[in-house]
Amino acid sequence: MPQLPDDLDAVAVRTWCSLALEALGRERAEIDAINVYPIADGDTGTNLYLTVESAAAAVEAVFAAHETGATAPATADAVRAMAHGALIGARGNSGTILAQLLRGMAGVLADGGDAAHLRLALTSAADAARQAVAHPVEGTVLTVAAEAAEAARGEDPDLRTVVTAAYEGARAALARTPEQLAVLGRAGVVDAGGRGLVAVLGALVETVTGQAPVRGPRTASGNAAKAPVTVDGGSVVGLPVGGTPVEGVTEGGLPASAPAEGPLDCPEDGSAGPAFEVIYLLEARDEQVARLRTRLDALGDSLVVVGGDGLWHVHVHVDDAGAAVEAGVEAGRPYRIRITHFATESGHDVRVQAEPAQRAVVVVVPGDGLAGLCTEAGATTVIARPGEPPASGELVDAIRRAHAREVVLLPNDAALRHTAAAAAEQARTEGVRVALVPTRAAVQGIAALAVHEPDRGFDEDVVAMTAAAGATRYAELAVAERQSWTMAGICQAGDILGLIDGDVAVIGADVPHTARTVLDRMLAAGGELVTLVLGEDVPDALADALEKHVREGHLAVDTVVYRGGHQRAPLLIGVE
């Protein structure tokens, strides 16, 4: 049996993220089913799962960077990675608020993980989340978070006591949410976001105590809710609200039948909600974000802006999606922009969908420049920014956005192989035929996309794209961060590394010389076409010089040059 932690160190944070992801995976469908506020779009459980998936992936990346070391990462590194991962991967209103809760906790837990720090962390999280919401509403996840923090207050030095008290306080608060928010009472369900937070706190209890807690909300009196029982007609009766039976609700808050009549996807005053959900990450200064909040608040509702230190996650429901994005442009640099159109039919939310296309390509690219290139070629793109690899949920979203019966997925990174496979499997369960071409670099994806022909048979198209990618050798230049052993010898911090097919083959002092050496080695085995993808800060003169070098030293070899924009590597090279 593993040793239980006395405080929340890095290993405990890693375990917590893993268990929270498992818990939300188990309860995702049930949470989706009770999602009626602020929009009844049935995705709260999924959004929370994808947010935690991103947080867990960020923590795993920190541990992966310490694999060769004798010690685990520092607690501060783990909790900050958790918060950052949640921020960049946050989905929907609920996921955005959860990201701020984790960020609020991380700010305190970075200084210590004992009981006293955890109590402060829970309070900090609840306060930060409430401040992030333009118009806080009681009976939501904000209330559950606040009452969890209140229940954890005290002088008991035992970490297990604190996490258990927080969890029980959250369960009791969740049970009362239908009394506080009329739309929940009419539907006979508890708040979906609050239900998700209870699952996350339950995972924390299991991390610290080694035992999974009792599931389901508590009654207002603090007693566990009664298990659902079958009555005449097969309906279900539970006790999610202060001990008073609510027909059609199970112990977990899942409606056993259709919710109460009346529109559930509108504000508490009964008016119709906005037409669009707009979400984006934003690089901006604090004072710019303050003005952005004011402008977005005037445009719509469900406004949540979370983050700090120059990086923010913006979520809002509006009628004018263009104005919401324009406000972000004026405030800073928005990216990963997602716009969802809501249409109201008989009081219930539905997504507007056209007839699906027969085939589409989804491609992961390392920068804005290649995203534009691939979009012009008809592909749906996912941008993998430096240090921010996409989670499987983001790839699934891209497959859905492609809206096709058949999809070819190009991950363009060996490290994304398992993530892409999971996304493909999920999409297949939704009825989409997905083929994963295991491209390991962006230049291989460009080669595959160049031979894509949607009018030929699916299998034939996939074979052609796979062959084109496989015939493309790839390389990239990188800057060494520290002294280390490589396949080409010992490098020093600041050296320019030339990686061919994933292995360090050249160690140089500057980008031009290293790039020429890499090209010569790659072309020594032959080639007909060289592809150069330049990073944001690489001058055009380098491309001109390399193109001249290829022309003079390798007859009958053509060169094409693309601007990759903000990408990890200053130069990507492909040879076909």
Protein backbone atom coordinates (compact mmCIF):
# COMPACT_ATOMS: atom_id res chain seq x y z
CA MET A 1 0.00 0.00 0.00
CA PRO A 2 1.47 3.40 -0.95
CA GLN A 3 2.43 5.73 1.86
CA LEU A 4 -0.16 8.41 2.50
CA PRO A 5 1.11 12.00 2.29
CA ASP A 6 1.48 14.18 5.37
CA ASP A 7 1.26 17.23 3.15
CA LEU A 8 0.50 18.00 -0.46
CA ASP A 9 3.88 17.54 -2.10
CA ALA A 10 4.48 17.20 -5.83
CA VAL A 11 3.74 13.47 -5.85
CA ALA A 12 0.45 14.06 -4.03
CA VAL A 13 -0.51 16.78 -6.52
CA ARG A 14 0.21 14.37 -9.36
CA THR A 15 -1.95 11.70 -7.71
CA TRP A 16 -4.74 14.20 -7.08
CA CYS A 17 -4.83 15.23 -10.73
CA SER A 18 -4.90 11.61 -11.85
CA LEU A 19 -7.69 10.63 -9.46
CA ALA A 20 -9.70 13.76 -10.30
CA LEU A 21 -9.47 12.89 -13.98
CA GLU A 22 -10.65 9.35 -13.26
CA ALA A 23 -13.54 10.63 -11.14
CA LEU A 24 -14.71 13.10 -13.76
CA GLY A 25 -14.37 10.42 -16.40
CA ARG A 26 -16.74 8.19 -14.43
CA GLU A 27 -19.23 10.96 -13.71
CA ARG A 28 -18.91 12.99 -16.92
CA ALA A 29 -22.11 11.69 -18.54
CA GLU A 30 -24.17 12.19 -15.37
CA ILE A 31 -22.88 15.73 -14.92
CA ASP A 32 -23.60 16.51 -18.56
CA ALA A 33 -27.15 15.26 -18.07
CA ILE A 34 -27.94 17.68 -15.22
CA ASN A 35 -26.37 20.71 -16.92
CA VAL A 36 -29.19 23.28 -17.04
CA TYR A 37 -27.46 26.51 -15.95
CA PRO A 38 -26.40 28.95 -17.33
CA ILE A 39 -27.00 27.17 -20.68
CA ALA A 40 -28.63 23.76 -20.93
CA ASP A 41 -26.11 22.49 -23.46
CA GLY A 42 -25.23 19.24 -21.68
CA ASP A 43 -21.45 19.64 -21.65
CA THR A 44 -20.43 20.68 -18.13
CA GLY A 45 -19.05 17.25 -17.24
CA THR A 46 -17.13 17.06 -20.50
CA ASN A 47 -15.74 20.57 -20.06
CA LEU A 48 -14.57 19.82 -16.52
CA TYR A 49 -12.97 16.57 -17.68
CA LEU A 50 -11.06 18.30 -20.48
CA THR A 51 -9.91 21.07 -18.13
CA VAL A 52 -8.53 18.59 -15.60
CA GLU A 53 -7.03 16.51 -18.41
CA SER A 54 -5.00 19.55 -19.45
CA ALA A 55 -3.96 20.19 -15.83
CA ALA A 56 -2.88 16.56 -15.36
CA ALA A 57 -0.91 16.61 -18.61
CA ALA A 58 0.98 19.72 -17.47
CA VAL A 59 1.90 18.06 -14.17
CA GLU A 60 3.05 14.92 -16.00
CA ALA A 61 5.28 17.09 -18.18
CA VAL A 62 6.97 18.48 -15.06
CA PHE A 63 7.64 14.95 -13.81
CA ALA A 64 8.89 13.88 -17.25
CA ALA A 65 11.46 16.67 -17.11
CA HIS A 66 12.77 15.20 -13.82
CA GLU A 67 12.94 11.57 -14.97
CA THR A 68 16.73 11.55 -14.97
CA GLY A 69 16.97 13.19 -11.55
CA ALA A 70 17.04 11.50 -8.17
CA THR A 71 14.30 13.66 -6.64
CA ALA A 72 10.74 14.56 -7.51
CA PRO A 73 9.87 18.07 -8.72
CA ALA A 74 9.33 20.82 -6.20
CA THR A 75 5.78 21.22 -4.93
CA ALA A 76 5.69 24.77 -6.29
CA ASP A 77 6.53 23.53 -9.80
CA ALA A 78 3.79 20.88 -9.68
CA VAL A 79 0.98 23.13 -8.43
CA ARG A 80 1.90 25.93 -10.82
CA ALA A 81 1.93 23.47 -13.71
CA MET A 82 -1.47 22.20 -12.60
CA ALA A 83 -2.88 25.72 -12.56
CA HIS A 84 -1.29 26.69 -15.88
CA GLY A 85 -2.46 23.51 -17.57
CA ALA A 86 -6.01 24.09 -16.37
CA LEU A 87 -5.89 27.69 -17.55
CA ILE A 88 -4.81 26.94 -21.12
CA GLY A 89 -7.10 23.92 -21.39
CA ALA A 90 -10.19 25.35 -19.68
CA ARG A 91 -13.48 24.63 -21.44
CA GLY A 92 -16.81 26.33 -21.00
CA ASN A 93 -18.07 28.34 -18.08
CA SER A 94 -17.51 25.54 -15.56
CA GLY A 95 -14.02 24.67 -16.73
CA THR A 96 -12.97 28.30 -16.68
CA ILE A 97 -14.13 28.69 -13.08
CA LEU A 98 -12.40 25.44 -12.07
CA ALA A 99 -9.18 26.74 -13.63
CA GLN A 100 -9.40 29.83 -11.44
CA LEU A 101 -10.10 27.69 -8.36
CA LEU A 102 -6.95 25.67 -9.06
CA ARG A 103 -4.97 28.83 -9.71
CA GLY A 104 -6.15 30.28 -6.39
CA MET A 105 -5.07 27.11 -4.58
CA ALA A 106 -1.72 26.98 -6.36
CA GLY A 107 -0.79 30.47 -5.24
CA VAL A 108 -0.88 29.29 -1.61
CA LEU A 109 0.19 25.65 -1.96
CA ALA A 110 3.38 26.75 -3.71
CA ASP A 111 4.51 27.95 -0.27
CA GLY A 112 3.51 24.78 1.59
CA GLY A 113 1.14 21.85 1.52
CA ASP A 114 0.29 21.28 5.18
CA ALA A 115 -3.17 21.63 6.73
CA ALA A 116 -2.81 25.34 7.46
CA HIS A 117 -1.77 26.13 3.90
CA LEU A 118 -4.57 23.99 2.47
CA ARG A 119 -7.17 25.88 4.50
CA LEU A 120 -5.81 29.16 3.15
CA ALA A 121 -5.65 27.69 -0.35
CA LEU A 122 -9.32 26.73 -0.31
CA THR A 123 -10.30 30.21 0.81
CA SER A 124 -8.03 31.82 -1.76
CA ALA A 125 -9.55 29.62 -4.47
CA ALA A 126 -13.13 30.48 -3.56
CA ASP A 127 -12.36 34.21 -3.43
CA ALA A 128 -10.45 34.18 -6.72
CA ALA A 129 -13.22 32.33 -8.55
CA ARG A 130 -15.91 34.69 -7.26
CA GLN A 131 -13.89 37.73 -8.33
CA ALA A 132 -13.40 36.26 -11.80
CA VAL A 133 -17.16 36.05 -12.46
CA ALA A 134 -18.72 39.34 -13.52
CA HIS A 135 -22.06 38.65 -11.80
CA PRO A 136 -21.77 35.82 -9.23
CA VAL A 137 -24.90 33.73 -8.69
CA GLU A 138 -25.61 31.71 -5.57
CA GLY A 139 -26.48 28.06 -5.96
CA THR A 140 -23.61 27.48 -8.38
CA VAL A 141 -20.08 26.11 -8.13
CA LEU A 142 -19.08 29.42 -6.52
CA THR A 143 -21.32 28.66 -3.54
CA VAL A 144 -20.02 25.09 -3.29
CA ALA A 145 -16.41 26.33 -3.31
CA ALA A 146 -17.10 28.98 -0.67
CA GLU A 147 -18.82 26.56 1.70
CA ALA A 148 -16.08 23.96 1.22
CA ALA A 149 -13.56 26.57 2.33
CA GLU A 150 -15.74 27.60 5.27
CA ALA A 151 -16.14 23.99 6.42
CA ALA A 152 -12.36 23.48 6.34
CA ARG A 153 -11.61 26.39 8.67
CA GLY A 154 -10.30 25.60 12.12
CA GLU A 155 -7.13 24.90 14.04
CA ASP A 156 -6.85 21.14 13.51
CA PRO A 157 -3.31 20.45 12.22
CA ASP A 158 -4.28 17.19 10.52
CA LEU A 159 -4.39 17.34 6.70
CA ARG A 160 -6.89 14.47 6.50
CA THR A 161 -9.33 16.33 8.72
CA VAL A 162 -9.12 19.46 6.57
CA VAL A 163 -9.69 17.73 3.22
CA THR A 164 -12.54 15.62 4.62
CA ALA A 165 -14.24 18.68 6.13
CA ALA A 166 -13.92 20.56 2.83
CA TYR A 167 -15.43 17.65 0.92
CA GLU A 168 -18.33 17.22 3.33
CA GLY A 169 -18.97 20.97 3.27
CA ALA A 170 -19.06 20.89 -0.53
CA ARG A 171 -21.51 17.98 -0.55
CA ALA A 172 -23.84 19.76 1.86
CA ALA A 173 -23.65 22.95 -0.21
CA LEU A 174 -24.34 21.03 -3.41
CA ALA A 175 -27.49 19.50 -1.91
CA ARG A 176 -28.85 23.00 -1.20
CA THR A 177 -28.24 24.42 -4.69
CA PRO A 178 -31.80 23.69 -5.99
CA GLU A 179 -33.16 25.84 -3.15
CA GLN A 180 -30.90 28.75 -4.14
CA LEU A 181 -31.24 28.70 -7.92
CA ALA A 182 -34.78 28.47 -9.31
CA VAL A 183 -33.78 26.89 -12.61
CA LEU A 184 -32.26 23.96 -10.70
CA GLY A 185 -35.34 23.60 -8.54
CA ARG A 186 -37.61 23.53 -11.58
CA ALA A 187 -35.49 20.81 -13.17
CA GLY A 188 -35.10 18.89 -9.91
CA VAL A 189 -31.30 18.71 -10.15
CA VAL A 190 -28.25 20.00 -8.31
CA ASP A 191 -25.75 22.36 -9.94
CA ALA A 192 -23.62 20.55 -12.50
CA GLY A 193 -20.49 22.63 -11.92
CA GLY A 194 -20.79 22.14 -8.19
CA ARG A 195 -21.20 18.42 -8.72
CA GLY A 196 -17.94 18.43 -10.67
CA LEU A 197 -16.13 20.30 -7.91
CA VAL A 198 -17.34 17.73 -5.38
CA ALA A 199 -15.79 15.04 -7.57
CA VAL A 200 -12.47 16.94 -7.67
CA LEU A 201 -12.47 17.41 -3.89
CA GLY A 202 -13.38 13.74 -3.48
CA ALA A 203 -10.25 12.88 -5.42
CA LEU A 204 -8.27 15.04 -3.00
CA VAL A 205 -9.76 13.11 -0.09
CA GLU A 206 -8.72 9.83 -1.72
CA THR A 207 -5.23 11.19 -2.32
CA VAL A 208 -4.74 12.11 1.32
CA THR A 209 -6.64 9.32 3.09
CA GLY A 210 -6.21 6.47 0.65
CA GLN A 211 -9.97 5.85 0.61
CA ALA A 212 -12.54 7.01 -1.93
CA PRO A 213 -15.24 9.08 -0.21
CA VAL A 214 -18.99 8.53 -0.31
CA ARG A 215 -20.44 9.78 -3.58
CA GLY A 216 -23.44 12.05 -4.00
CA PRO A 217 -24.55 15.28 -2.29
CA ARG A 218 -25.44 15.56 1.37
CA THR A 219 -28.68 16.87 2.78
CA ALA A 220 -28.82 20.27 4.42
CA SER A 221 -28.69 18.62 7.80
CA GLY A 222 -25.37 17.00 6.96
CA ASN A 223 -26.67 13.46 6.62
CA ALA A 224 -25.88 11.51 3.50
CA ALA A 225 -28.55 11.67 0.83
CA LYS A 226 -30.82 8.67 0.65
CA ALA A 227 -30.16 6.26 -2.19
CA PRO A 228 -32.72 6.47 -5.00
CA VAL A 229 -35.63 4.05 -4.90
CA THR A 230 -37.99 2.92 -7.65
CA VAL A 231 -41.62 3.99 -7.32
CA ASP A 232 -44.71 3.44 -9.44
CA GLY A 233 -44.08 3.98 -13.11
CA GLY A 234 -40.35 3.45 -12.73
CA SER A 235 -39.51 7.02 -11.65
CA VAL A 236 -36.85 7.66 -9.07
CA VAL A 237 -36.97 9.51 -5.80
CA GLY A 238 -33.89 10.90 -4.08
CA LEU A 239 -33.11 13.36 -1.32
CA PRO A 240 -30.76 15.95 -2.79
CA VAL A 241 -32.43 18.95 -1.14
CA GLY A 242 -32.44 19.23 2.63
CA GLY A 243 -34.05 15.85 3.14
CA THR A 244 -37.05 16.70 0.95
CA PRO A 245 -37.72 14.14 -1.79
CA VAL A 246 -37.48 15.49 -5.32
CA GLU A 247 -39.05 13.22 -7.91
CA GLY A 248 -36.89 12.40 -10.88
CA VAL A 249 -33.52 12.91 -9.14
CA THR A 250 -31.04 10.21 -8.23
CA GLU A 251 -28.54 10.45 -5.40
CA GLY A 252 -25.97 12.03 -7.68
CA GLY A 253 -28.35 14.66 -9.00
CA LEU A 254 -29.04 12.91 -12.31
CA PRO A 255 -32.59 13.35 -13.61
CA ALA A 256 -34.29 9.99 -14.14
CA SER A 257 -36.79 11.47 -16.58
CA ALA A 258 -37.33 14.69 -18.51
CA PRO A 259 -36.78 17.87 -16.48
CA ALA A 260 -39.59 20.14 -15.42
CA GLU A 261 -41.35 22.12 -18.13
CA GLY A 262 -40.14 25.56 -19.00
CA PRO A 263 -36.97 27.00 -20.57
CA LEU A 264 -33.82 25.98 -18.75
CA ASP A 265 -31.21 27.71 -20.90
CA CYS A 266 -31.98 31.30 -19.98
CA PRO A 267 -31.05 33.78 -17.21
CA GLU A 268 -32.97 33.80 -13.96
CA ASP A 269 -35.21 36.60 -15.19
CA GLY A 270 -36.55 34.28 -17.88
CA SER A 271 -35.21 36.25 -20.84
CA ALA A 272 -33.64 34.49 -23.82
CA GLY A 273 -29.88 34.01 -23.62
CA PRO A 274 -27.26 35.23 -26.10
CA ALA A 275 -26.62 33.39 -29.36
CA PHE A 276 -22.88 32.68 -29.06
CA GLU A 277 -20.34 31.35 -26.60
CA VAL A 278 -16.93 32.95 -27.17
CA ILE A 279 -13.77 31.60 -25.55
CA TYR A 280 -10.13 32.54 -26.09
CA LEU A 281 -6.76 32.74 -24.42
CA LEU A 282 -5.40 36.26 -24.18
CA GLU A 283 -1.91 37.67 -23.69
CA ALA A 284 -2.46 41.10 -22.11
CA ARG A 285 -1.50 43.37 -19.22
CA ASP A 286 -3.68 43.64 -16.11
CA GLU A 287 -4.92 47.16 -16.86
CA GLN A 288 -5.98 46.08 -20.36
CA VAL A 289 -7.93 43.16 -18.92
CA ALA A 290 -9.79 45.45 -16.54
CA ARG A 291 -11.06 47.47 -19.52
CA LEU A 292 -11.84 44.26 -21.39
CA ARG A 293 -14.06 43.03 -18.55
CA THR A 294 -16.09 46.23 -18.69
CA ARG A 295 -16.55 46.03 -22.44
CA LEU A 296 -17.48 42.34 -22.51
CA ASP A 297 -19.87 42.76 -19.60
CA ALA A 298 -21.79 45.28 -21.70
CA LEU A 299 -21.90 42.88 -24.65
CA GLY A 300 -23.37 39.80 -22.97
CA ASP A 301 -23.51 37.59 -19.89
CA SER A 302 -21.84 34.56 -18.25
CA LEU A 303 -18.61 36.55 -18.30
CA VAL A 304 -15.65 34.87 -16.63
CA VAL A 305 -12.08 36.14 -17.01
CA VAL A 306 -9.41 34.14 -15.19
CA GLY A 307 -5.62 34.05 -15.11
CA GLY A 308 -2.87 36.56 -14.46
CA ASP A 309 0.82 37.23 -15.07
CA GLY A 310 0.10 38.19 -18.66
CA LEU A 311 -2.00 35.15 -19.66
CA TRP A 312 -5.81 35.10 -19.35
CA HIS A 313 -8.69 32.84 -20.28
CA VAL A 314 -11.81 34.67 -21.42
CA HIS A 315 -15.32 33.18 -21.54
CA VAL A 316 -18.51 35.08 -22.40
CA HIS A 317 -21.96 34.54 -23.96
CA VAL A 318 -22.84 37.26 -26.51
CA ASP A 319 -25.00 38.00 -29.52
CA ASP A 320 -22.11 39.70 -31.38
CA ALA A 321 -19.24 37.20 -31.42
CA GLY A 322 -17.15 39.46 -33.66
CA ALA A 323 -17.33 42.30 -31.15
CA ALA A 324 -16.21 39.97 -28.33
CA VAL A 325 -13.16 38.88 -30.33
CA GLU A 326 -12.45 42.46 -31.40
CA ALA A 327 -12.44 43.49 -27.74
CA GLY A 328 -9.77 40.86 -27.13
CA VAL A 329 -7.68 42.17 -30.02
CA GLU A 330 -7.82 45.66 -28.57
CA ALA A 331 -6.76 44.36 -25.15
CA GLY A 332 -3.88 42.17 -26.30
CA ARG A 333 -3.27 39.06 -28.40
CA PRO A 334 -6.15 36.56 -28.39
CA TYR A 335 -5.60 33.01 -29.66
CA ARG A 336 -7.20 29.57 -29.47
CA ILE A 337 -10.46 31.34 -30.25
CA ARG A 338 -13.55 29.11 -30.08
CA ILE A 339 -17.02 30.34 -31.02
CA THR A 340 -20.11 28.17 -30.49
CA HIS A 341 -23.48 29.18 -31.95
CA PHE A 342 -26.55 28.50 -29.83
CA ALA A 343 -30.05 28.37 -31.30
CA THR A 344 -33.21 28.17 -29.21
CA GLU A 345 -35.87 25.72 -30.22
CA SER A 346 -38.81 25.05 -27.90
CA GLY A 347 -36.87 26.49 -24.99
CA HIS A 348 -33.98 24.05 -25.29
CA ASP A 349 -30.50 24.61 -26.62
CA VAL A 350 -29.42 22.92 -29.83
CA ARG A 351 -26.24 23.28 -31.89
CA VAL A 352 -26.78 24.50 -35.44
CA GLN A 353 -25.21 21.98 -37.82
CA ALA A 354 -25.06 21.82 -41.60
CA GLU A 355 -24.91 18.55 -43.50
CA PRO A 356 -21.50 16.98 -42.73
CA ALA A 357 -18.83 16.91 -45.43
CA GLN A 358 -17.65 13.55 -46.69
CA ARG A 359 -14.01 13.99 -45.65
CA ALA A 360 -11.78 16.42 -43.78
CA VAL A 361 -8.22 16.68 -42.50
CA VAL A 362 -7.36 17.77 -38.95
CA VAL A 363 -3.76 18.84 -38.50
CA VAL A 364 -1.73 19.96 -35.47
CA VAL A 365 0.64 22.81 -36.30
CA PRO A 366 3.36 24.51 -34.21
CA GLY A 367 2.58 28.11 -35.13
CA ASP A 368 0.11 30.62 -36.60
CA GLY A 369 1.86 30.75 -39.96
CA LEU A 370 1.42 27.07 -40.72
CA ALA A 371 -2.12 27.23 -39.35
CA GLY A 372 -2.97 29.75 -42.05
CA LEU A 373 -1.27 27.65 -44.71
CA CYS A 374 -3.14 24.49 -43.71
CA THR A 375 -6.45 26.32 -43.41
CA GLU A 376 -6.04 27.61 -46.96
CA ALA A 377 -5.52 23.99 -48.00
CA GLY A 378 -8.88 23.12 -46.45
CA ALA A 379 -7.69 21.54 -43.19
CA THR A 380 -9.00 22.14 -39.67
CA THR A 381 -6.07 23.18 -37.49
CA VAL A 382 -5.06 22.88 -33.85
CA ILE A 383 -2.15 25.08 -32.75
CA ALA A 384 0.41 23.48 -30.42
CA ARG A 385 2.12 26.45 -28.85
CA PRO A 386 5.52 26.17 -27.13
CA GLY A 387 5.07 24.22 -23.90
CA GLU A 388 1.33 23.82 -24.52
CA PRO A 389 0.67 20.51 -26.34
CA PRO A 390 -3.02 19.96 -27.10
CA ALA A 391 -4.95 17.48 -24.98
CA SER A 392 -7.04 14.72 -26.53
CA GLY A 393 -10.18 16.73 -25.84
CA GLU A 394 -8.90 19.59 -27.99
CA LEU A 395 -8.25 17.18 -30.85
CA VAL A 396 -11.75 15.72 -30.44
CA ASP A 397 -13.16 19.25 -30.60
CA ALA A 398 -11.24 19.86 -33.83
CA ILE A 399 -12.61 16.65 -35.33
CA ARG A 400 -16.11 17.80 -34.42
CA ARG A 401 -15.45 21.23 -35.94
CA ALA A 402 -14.31 19.57 -39.14
CA HIS A 403 -17.87 18.18 -39.30
CA ALA A 404 -17.18 15.34 -41.71
CA ARG A 405 -18.07 11.67 -41.96
CA GLU A 406 -14.40 10.77 -42.53
CA VAL A 407 -11.41 12.49 -40.94
CA VAL A 408 -7.66 12.10 -41.44
CA LEU A 409 -5.78 13.18 -38.30
CA LEU A 410 -2.18 14.44 -38.58
CA PRO A 411 -0.63 14.96 -35.08
CA ASN A 412 2.77 16.10 -36.45
CA ASP A 413 4.56 15.24 -33.21
CA ALA A 414 5.75 11.85 -31.94
CA ALA A 415 4.88 12.93 -28.38
CA LEU A 416 1.22 13.34 -29.41
CA ARG A 417 0.86 9.77 -30.67
CA HIS A 418 -1.10 8.47 -27.67
CA THR A 419 -3.10 11.70 -27.32
CA ALA A 420 -4.11 11.56 -30.98
CA ALA A 421 -4.99 7.86 -30.72
CA ALA A 422 -7.29 8.59 -27.76
CA ALA A 423 -8.95 11.43 -29.66
CA ALA A 424 -9.46 9.23 -32.72
CA GLU A 425 -11.01 6.51 -30.59
CA GLN A 426 -13.39 8.98 -28.94
CA ALA A 427 -14.45 10.39 -32.31
CA ARG A 428 -15.11 6.88 -33.62
CA THR A 429 -17.56 6.29 -30.78
CA GLU A 430 -19.44 9.35 -32.08
CA GLY A 431 -19.79 7.81 -35.52
CA VAL A 432 -16.88 9.49 -37.32
CA ARG A 433 -14.52 7.34 -39.38
CA VAL A 434 -11.04 8.49 -38.33
CA ALA A 435 -7.66 7.49 -39.72
CA LEU A 436 -4.57 8.49 -37.75
CA VAL A 437 -1.50 9.10 -39.93
CA PRO A 438 1.42 9.04 -37.43
CA THR A 439 3.24 12.13 -38.67
CA ARG A 440 6.11 13.09 -36.37
CA ALA A 441 6.83 16.62 -37.60
CA ALA A 442 5.02 19.54 -39.21
CA VAL A 443 6.92 19.11 -42.50
CA GLN A 444 5.61 15.55 -42.75
CA GLY A 445 2.10 16.89 -42.24
CA ILE A 446 2.63 19.45 -45.02
CA ALA A 447 3.77 16.67 -47.34
CA ALA A 448 0.75 14.53 -46.46
CA LEU A 449 -1.68 17.41 -46.90
CA ALA A 450 -0.16 18.21 -50.32
CA VAL A 451 -1.26 14.83 -51.73
CA HIS A 452 -4.68 14.75 -50.05
CA GLU A 453 -7.51 14.24 -52.55
CA PRO A 454 -10.99 14.14 -50.97
CA ASP A 455 -12.59 12.76 -54.14
CA ARG A 456 -10.78 9.41 -54.09
CA GLY A 457 -11.51 6.50 -51.78
CA PHE A 458 -10.83 7.00 -48.08
CA ASP A 459 -8.36 4.12 -47.74
CA GLU A 460 -6.55 5.13 -50.93
CA ASP A 461 -6.27 8.72 -49.72
CA VAL A 462 -4.92 7.64 -46.32
CA VAL A 463 -2.32 5.37 -47.96
CA ALA A 464 -1.13 8.18 -50.24
CA MET A 465 -0.87 10.65 -47.35
CA THR A 466 0.95 8.12 -45.19
CA ALA A 467 3.43 7.37 -47.98
CA ALA A 468 4.13 11.08 -48.55
CA ALA A 469 4.73 11.65 -44.85
CA GLY A 470 6.97 8.58 -44.59
CA ALA A 471 9.08 9.74 -47.53
CA THR A 472 9.82 13.05 -45.81
CA ARG A 473 12.84 13.25 -43.53
CA TYR A 474 12.55 15.98 -40.94
CA ALA A 475 14.87 18.14 -38.87
CA GLU A 476 14.68 21.13 -36.59
CA LEU A 477 17.04 23.55 -34.93
CA ALA A 478 16.86 24.13 -31.18
CA VAL A 479 18.77 26.06 -28.55
CA ALA A 480 20.35 23.97 -25.78
CA GLU A 481 19.05 25.02 -22.37
CA ARG A 482 21.83 23.38 -20.35
CA GLN A 483 24.90 21.21 -20.65
CA SER A 484 24.00 17.64 -21.54
CA TRP A 485 25.04 14.51 -23.39
CA THR A 486 23.71 14.05 -26.93
CA MET A 487 24.19 11.64 -29.82
CA ALA A 488 26.59 14.21 -31.31
CA GLY A 489 28.60 14.78 -28.13
CA ILE A 490 28.40 17.16 -25.17
CA CYS A 491 26.52 20.41 -25.74
CA GLN A 492 26.68 23.56 -23.65
CA ALA A 493 23.87 25.93 -22.75
CA GLY A 494 23.24 28.24 -25.69
CA ASP A 495 24.56 25.87 -28.36
CA ILE A 496 22.49 25.43 -31.50
CA LEU A 497 21.37 21.82 -31.90
CA GLY A 498 20.47 20.28 -35.23
CA LEU A 499 18.05 17.36 -34.70
CA ILE A 500 17.51 14.99 -37.62
CA ASP A 501 14.59 12.57 -37.32
CA GLY A 502 14.40 13.36 -33.61
CA ASP A 503 18.06 12.82 -32.67
CA VAL A 504 20.77 15.45 -32.16
CA ALA A 505 23.09 15.15 -35.16
CA VAL A 506 24.85 18.52 -35.18
CA ILE A 507 26.07 20.87 -32.45
CA GLY A 508 26.85 24.38 -33.72
CA ALA A 509 27.54 27.89 -32.56
CA ASP A 510 25.01 29.73 -34.73
CA VAL A 511 21.83 29.07 -36.67
CA PRO A 512 23.10 29.64 -40.27
CA HIS A 513 26.12 27.32 -40.02
CA THR A 514 24.18 24.61 -38.16
CA ALA A 515 21.33 24.78 -40.69
CA ARG A 516 23.74 24.37 -43.63
CA THR A 517 25.38 21.38 -41.99
CA VAL A 518 22.02 19.75 -41.28
CA LEU A 519 20.89 20.28 -44.87
CA ASP A 520 24.08 18.77 -46.28
CA ARG A 521 23.72 15.67 -44.12
CA MET A 522 20.09 15.20 -45.05
CA LEU A 523 20.68 15.72 -48.78
CA ALA A 524 23.63 13.35 -48.81
CA ALA A 525 21.07 10.54 -49.01
CA GLY A 526 19.29 12.27 -51.90
CA GLY A 527 16.19 14.40 -52.20
CA GLU A 528 14.06 16.39 -54.61
CA LEU A 529 12.41 19.03 -52.44
CA VAL A 530 13.56 20.97 -49.36
CA THR A 531 10.93 22.60 -47.14
CA LEU A 532 12.02 25.36 -44.75
CA VAL A 533 9.67 26.66 -42.04
CA LEU A 534 11.04 29.81 -40.39
CA GLY A 535 10.24 30.85 -36.84
CA GLU A 536 8.88 34.25 -35.90
CA ASP A 537 12.23 35.96 -35.25
CA VAL A 538 14.24 34.36 -38.07
CA PRO A 539 15.12 36.89 -40.83
CA ASP A 540 14.23 36.28 -44.47
CA ALA A 541 17.94 36.59 -45.27
CA LEU A 542 18.54 33.18 -43.68
CA ALA A 543 16.01 31.54 -45.98
CA ASP A 544 17.61 33.23 -48.99
CA ALA A 545 21.06 32.04 -47.92
CA LEU A 546 19.91 28.46 -47.33
CA GLU A 547 18.03 28.37 -50.63
CA LYS A 548 21.21 29.53 -52.40
CA HIS A 549 23.26 26.91 -50.52
CA VAL A 550 20.93 24.14 -51.68
CA ARG A 551 20.87 25.41 -55.27
CA GLU A 552 24.67 25.61 -55.50
CA GLY A 553 25.47 22.33 -53.77
CA HIS A 554 22.62 20.08 -54.80
CA LEU A 555 21.47 20.26 -58.40
CA ALA A 556 17.83 19.62 -59.29
CA VAL A 557 16.67 20.11 -55.68
CA ASP A 558 13.89 22.66 -55.24
CA THR A 559 13.30 24.70 -52.09
CA VAL A 560 10.05 26.08 -50.67
CA VAL A 561 9.90 28.46 -47.71
CA TYR A 562 7.05 29.07 -45.26
CA ARG A 563 6.67 31.40 -42.30
CA GLY A 564 5.70 29.39 -39.22
CA GLY A 565 5.04 32.31 -36.90
CA HIS A 566 5.40 31.84 -33.13
CA GLN A 567 6.80 28.31 -32.88
CA ARG A 568 9.17 26.45 -30.58
CA ALA A 569 11.98 25.87 -33.11
CA PRO A 570 13.63 28.73 -35.04
CA LEU A 571 13.81 26.50 -38.13
CA LEU A 572 12.05 23.34 -39.33
CA ILE A 573 13.46 21.42 -42.30
CA GLY A 574 11.92 18.74 -44.48
CA VAL A 575 13.52 16.77 -47.31
CA GLU A 576 11.41 14.74 -49.73
